[in-house]
């Protein structure tokens, strides 16, 4: 029952990975060159610590090594049979060769299955990183928009305060502008919180500490592909 209950979850994971993998080319077209390079680098970093990929890669390498050893042993056995037991009947040698062929016949599909498993694990890791990276980019853009909103509301409030000092604006207009500024600052706070959470999610997906991840993201900030940390709000 446990295996049956986990099957739908595995199906959803595979379906989500396939769906996002199909969407990756479209998403990549919307990335800047620097963002695309960074995504590739983050995916490479994730593979270095991804347990499923590392295990699949280890199993694949072990299978390849095993095939190499068994192939060498079969060649040595055939040479020994021909050189030392030439008196053995040809029918016996033929049967032995056929048995060796049967032994190795199924190794090709098994090896391809391991290669497919390693590739699936690699793709799943990249999908996971790409999802987190896209969410982080969206959170960065939302934070920049919120920061711009705060600046606009600050400028609006200052202008109304200046007009109110000369009697060109009513007190309720100034209060309304101050309320809009307060709401904009609240939106900026929430956007910054979402950005921090998105950064933590990206760090988990890549498998790096936050400081190390920030170091990888720094070139993206310097080239201006995405905004830097939103500026703190100014007082009215």
Protein backbone atom coordinates (compact mmCIF):
# COMPACT_ATOMS: atom_id res chain seq x y z
CA UNK A 1 0.00 0.00 0.00
CA UNK A 2 2.86 2.34 0.72
CA UNK A 3 4.26 1.93 -2.79
CA UNK A 4 0.81 2.40 -4.29
CA UNK A 5 0.14 5.54 -2.29
CA UNK A 6 3.43 7.10 -3.39
CA UNK A 7 2.84 6.33 -7.08
CA UNK A 8 0.53 9.33 -7.76
CA UNK A 9 3.07 11.64 -6.14
CA UNK A 10 5.85 10.25 -8.33
CA UNK A 11 3.65 10.61 -11.41
CA UNK A 12 3.00 14.25 -10.55
CA UNK A 13 6.71 14.88 -10.01
CA UNK A 14 7.55 13.36 -13.39
CA UNK A 15 4.71 15.25 -15.09
CA UNK A 16 5.76 18.55 -13.50
CA UNK A 17 9.38 17.98 -14.55
CA UNK A 18 8.31 17.14 -18.10
CA UNK A 19 5.98 20.13 -18.32
CA UNK A 20 8.56 22.57 -17.01
CA UNK A 21 11.24 21.05 -19.24
CA UNK A 22 9.00 21.76 -22.22
CA UNK A 23 8.53 25.32 -21.02
CA UNK A 24 12.23 25.94 -20.36
CA UNK A 25 13.06 27.00 -23.95
CA UNK A 26 10.27 29.59 -23.87
CA UNK A 27 11.40 30.83 -20.48
CA UNK A 28 15.01 30.97 -21.64
CA UNK A 29 13.99 33.25 -24.50
CA UNK A 30 12.75 35.76 -21.93
CA UNK A 31 16.06 35.76 -20.03
CA UNK A 32 18.94 38.09 -20.70
CA UNK A 33 22.23 36.56 -21.76
CA UNK A 34 23.61 37.06 -18.28
CA UNK A 35 20.56 35.46 -16.66
CA UNK A 36 20.79 32.44 -18.97
CA UNK A 37 24.49 32.00 -18.15
CA UNK A 38 23.73 32.28 -14.46
CA UNK A 39 20.97 29.68 -14.70
CA UNK A 40 23.40 27.25 -16.33
CA UNK A 41 25.95 27.91 -13.58
CA UNK A 42 23.37 27.39 -10.84
CA UNK A 43 22.24 24.13 -12.43
CA UNK A 44 25.85 22.92 -12.53
CA UNK A 45 26.27 23.76 -8.85
CA UNK A 46 23.06 21.91 -8.00
CA UNK A 47 24.26 18.74 -9.73
CA UNK A 48 27.39 18.67 -7.57
CA UNK A 49 25.26 18.07 -4.46
CA UNK A 50 22.09 16.45 -5.83
CA UNK A 51 21.76 12.99 -4.17
CA UNK A 52 19.57 11.46 -6.88
CA UNK A 53 21.87 12.56 -9.70
CA UNK A 54 25.06 11.55 -7.89
CA UNK A 55 23.63 8.12 -7.06
CA UNK A 56 22.44 7.59 -10.62
CA UNK A 57 25.85 8.67 -11.93
CA UNK A 58 27.64 6.33 -9.50
CA UNK A 59 25.43 3.40 -10.54
CA UNK A 60 26.07 4.16 -14.20
CA UNK A 61 29.84 4.33 -13.74
CA UNK A 62 29.79 1.12 -11.70
CA UNK A 63 27.82 -0.63 -14.43
CA UNK A 64 30.23 0.59 -17.10
CA UNK A 65 33.21 -0.58 -15.05
CA UNK A 66 31.53 -3.94 -14.46
CA UNK A 67 30.92 -4.39 -18.17
CA UNK A 68 34.56 -3.62 -18.89
CA UNK A 69 35.80 -6.18 -16.34
CA UNK A 70 33.38 -8.90 -17.44
CA UNK A 71 34.24 -8.31 -21.06
CA UNK A 72 37.93 -8.72 -20.32
CA UNK A 73 37.26 -11.90 -18.33
CA UNK A 74 35.20 -13.40 -21.15
CA UNK A 75 37.97 -12.70 -23.65
CA UNK A 76 40.53 -14.36 -21.36
CA UNK A 77 38.26 -17.38 -20.86
CA UNK A 78 37.85 -17.80 -24.62
CA UNK A 79 41.61 -17.61 -25.17
CA UNK A 80 42.27 -20.16 -22.42
CA UNK A 81 39.71 -22.53 -23.87
CA UNK A 82 41.25 -22.38 -27.34
CA UNK A 83 44.87 -22.54 -26.16
CA UNK A 84 44.81 -25.05 -23.34
CA UNK A 85 41.81 -27.24 -24.10
CA UNK A 86 42.08 -27.65 -27.83
CA UNK A 87 40.98 -31.27 -27.41
CA UNK A 88 37.54 -30.16 -26.21
CA UNK A 89 34.86 -30.93 -28.79
CA UNK A 90 33.85 -28.00 -31.06
CA UNK A 91 30.21 -28.40 -29.95
CA UNK A 92 31.24 -27.74 -26.33
CA UNK A 93 33.16 -24.62 -27.32
CA UNK A 94 30.18 -23.41 -29.30
CA UNK A 95 27.84 -23.92 -26.35
CA UNK A 96 30.19 -22.05 -24.04
CA UNK A 97 30.36 -19.12 -26.49
CA UNK A 98 26.58 -19.01 -26.72
CA UNK A 99 26.29 -19.00 -22.92
CA UNK A 100 28.71 -16.09 -22.68
CA UNK A 101 26.69 -14.23 -25.29
CA UNK A 102 23.55 -14.80 -23.26
CA UNK A 103 25.34 -13.49 -20.20
CA UNK A 104 26.15 -10.16 -21.84
CA UNK A 105 23.15 -9.77 -24.11
CA UNK A 106 20.98 -7.94 -21.56
CA UNK A 107 23.67 -5.54 -20.41
CA UNK A 108 23.05 -3.04 -23.21
CA UNK A 109 19.41 -2.26 -22.28
CA UNK A 110 20.34 -2.18 -18.60
CA UNK A 111 23.10 0.31 -19.32
CA UNK A 112 20.77 2.47 -21.38
CA UNK A 113 18.25 2.39 -18.54
CA UNK A 114 20.93 3.66 -16.14
CA UNK A 115 21.90 6.38 -18.59
CA UNK A 116 18.25 7.40 -18.89
CA UNK A 117 17.96 7.46 -15.10
CA UNK A 118 21.01 9.71 -14.78
CA UNK A 119 19.69 12.02 -17.49
CA UNK A 120 16.26 12.17 -15.81
CA UNK A 121 17.91 13.07 -12.50
CA UNK A 122 19.97 15.76 -14.23
CA UNK A 123 16.87 17.17 -15.88
CA UNK A 124 14.89 17.12 -12.63
CA UNK A 125 17.65 19.04 -10.84
CA UNK A 126 17.75 21.65 -13.60
CA UNK A 127 13.96 21.99 -13.56
CA UNK A 128 14.02 22.51 -9.80
CA UNK A 129 16.70 25.19 -10.09
CA UNK A 130 14.98 26.87 -13.04
CA UNK A 131 11.67 27.05 -11.17
CA UNK A 132 13.32 28.63 -8.14
CA UNK A 133 15.38 30.97 -10.34
CA UNK A 134 12.31 32.22 -12.23
CA UNK A 135 10.46 32.79 -8.95
CA UNK A 136 13.45 34.74 -7.63
CA UNK A 137 13.58 36.90 -10.75
CA UNK A 138 9.86 37.62 -10.42
CA UNK A 139 10.31 38.52 -6.76
CA UNK A 140 13.21 40.81 -7.67
CA UNK A 141 11.09 42.60 -10.25
CA UNK A 142 8.19 42.93 -7.79
CA UNK A 143 10.54 44.38 -5.17
CA UNK A 144 11.90 46.92 -7.65
CA UNK A 145 8.38 47.92 -8.65
CA UNK A 146 7.41 48.31 -5.00
CA UNK A 147 10.51 50.43 -4.32
CA UNK A 148 9.66 52.65 -7.28
CA UNK A 149 6.12 52.96 -5.91
CA UNK A 150 7.44 54.18 -2.56
CA UNK A 151 9.57 56.82 -4.27
CA UNK A 152 6.61 57.99 -6.32
CA UNK A 153 4.39 58.27 -3.25
CA UNK A 154 7.12 60.11 -1.35
CA UNK A 155 7.42 62.64 -4.18
CA UNK A 156 3.63 63.01 -4.28
CA UNK A 157 3.43 63.64 -0.54
CA UNK A 158 6.25 66.19 -0.59
CA UNK A 159 4.60 68.05 -3.45
CA UNK A 160 1.26 68.16 -1.63
CA UNK A 161 2.93 69.29 1.60
CA UNK A 162 4.61 72.14 -0.30
CA UNK A 163 1.30 73.13 -1.85
CA UNK A 164 -0.46 72.92 1.52
CA UNK A 165 2.03 75.35 3.03
CA UNK A 166 0.89 78.01 0.57
CA UNK A 167 -2.78 77.06 0.84
CA UNK A 168 -2.96 75.33 -2.57
CA UNK A 169 -3.80 71.90 -1.15
CA UNK A 170 -6.33 70.89 1.48
CA UNK A 171 -5.26 69.01 4.64
CA UNK A 172 -7.32 65.94 3.64
CA UNK A 173 -5.32 65.71 0.39
CA UNK A 174 -2.10 65.58 2.38
CA UNK A 175 -3.53 62.92 4.69
CA UNK A 176 -4.67 60.85 1.72
CA UNK A 177 -1.20 61.07 0.18
CA UNK A 178 0.37 60.05 3.48
CA UNK A 179 -1.95 57.02 3.58
CA UNK A 180 -0.95 56.05 0.06
CA UNK A 181 2.69 56.31 1.07
CA UNK A 182 2.03 54.08 4.07
CA UNK A 183 0.38 51.48 1.83
CA UNK A 184 3.29 51.65 -0.63
CA UNK A 185 5.78 51.07 2.19
CA UNK A 186 3.74 48.08 3.36
CA UNK A 187 3.79 46.70 -0.19
CA UNK A 188 7.56 47.17 -0.27
CA UNK A 189 7.94 45.34 3.03
CA UNK A 190 5.91 42.41 1.70
CA UNK A 191 7.85 42.41 -1.58
CA UNK A 192 11.15 42.34 0.31
CA UNK A 193 9.87 39.45 2.42
CA UNK A 194 8.85 37.54 -0.71
CA UNK A 195 12.27 38.28 -2.20
CA UNK A 196 14.04 36.93 0.87
CA UNK A 197 11.94 33.76 0.79
CA UNK A 198 12.57 33.32 -2.93
CA UNK A 199 16.31 33.68 -2.32
CA UNK A 200 16.18 31.01 0.39
CA UNK A 201 14.23 28.70 -1.92
CA UNK A 202 16.83 29.23 -4.65
CA UNK A 203 19.65 28.48 -2.22
CA UNK A 204 17.96 25.22 -1.22
CA UNK A 205 17.39 24.26 -4.86
CA UNK A 206 21.03 24.91 -5.74
CA UNK A 207 22.37 23.42 -2.50
CA UNK A 208 24.50 26.42 -1.55
CA UNK A 209 24.67 28.64 1.54
CA UNK A 210 23.09 32.06 1.13
CA UNK A 211 26.44 33.89 1.13
CA UNK A 212 27.82 31.64 -1.60
CA UNK A 213 24.65 32.07 -3.65
CA UNK A 214 24.81 35.86 -3.30
CA UNK A 215 28.35 35.70 -4.64
CA UNK A 216 27.09 33.93 -7.77
CA UNK A 217 24.26 36.42 -8.17
CA UNK A 218 26.48 39.48 -7.82
CA UNK A 219 27.56 39.64 -11.51
CA UNK A 220 23.91 39.72 -12.49
CA UNK A 221 23.36 42.79 -10.33
CA UNK A 222 26.46 44.48 -11.75
CA UNK A 223 25.38 44.04 -15.37
CA UNK A 224 21.98 45.52 -14.58
CA UNK A 225 19.97 42.51 -15.70
CA UNK A 226 17.88 42.67 -12.54
CA UNK A 227 17.58 45.36 -9.92
CA UNK A 228 19.63 45.44 -6.76
CA UNK A 229 18.20 45.37 -3.29
CA UNK A 230 15.31 47.85 -3.14
CA UNK A 231 16.24 51.10 -1.50
CA UNK A 232 14.90 51.70 2.01
CA UNK A 233 11.96 54.11 2.14
CA UNK A 234 12.67 57.75 2.86
CA UNK A 235 10.83 59.76 5.40
CA UNK A 236 8.17 62.24 4.20
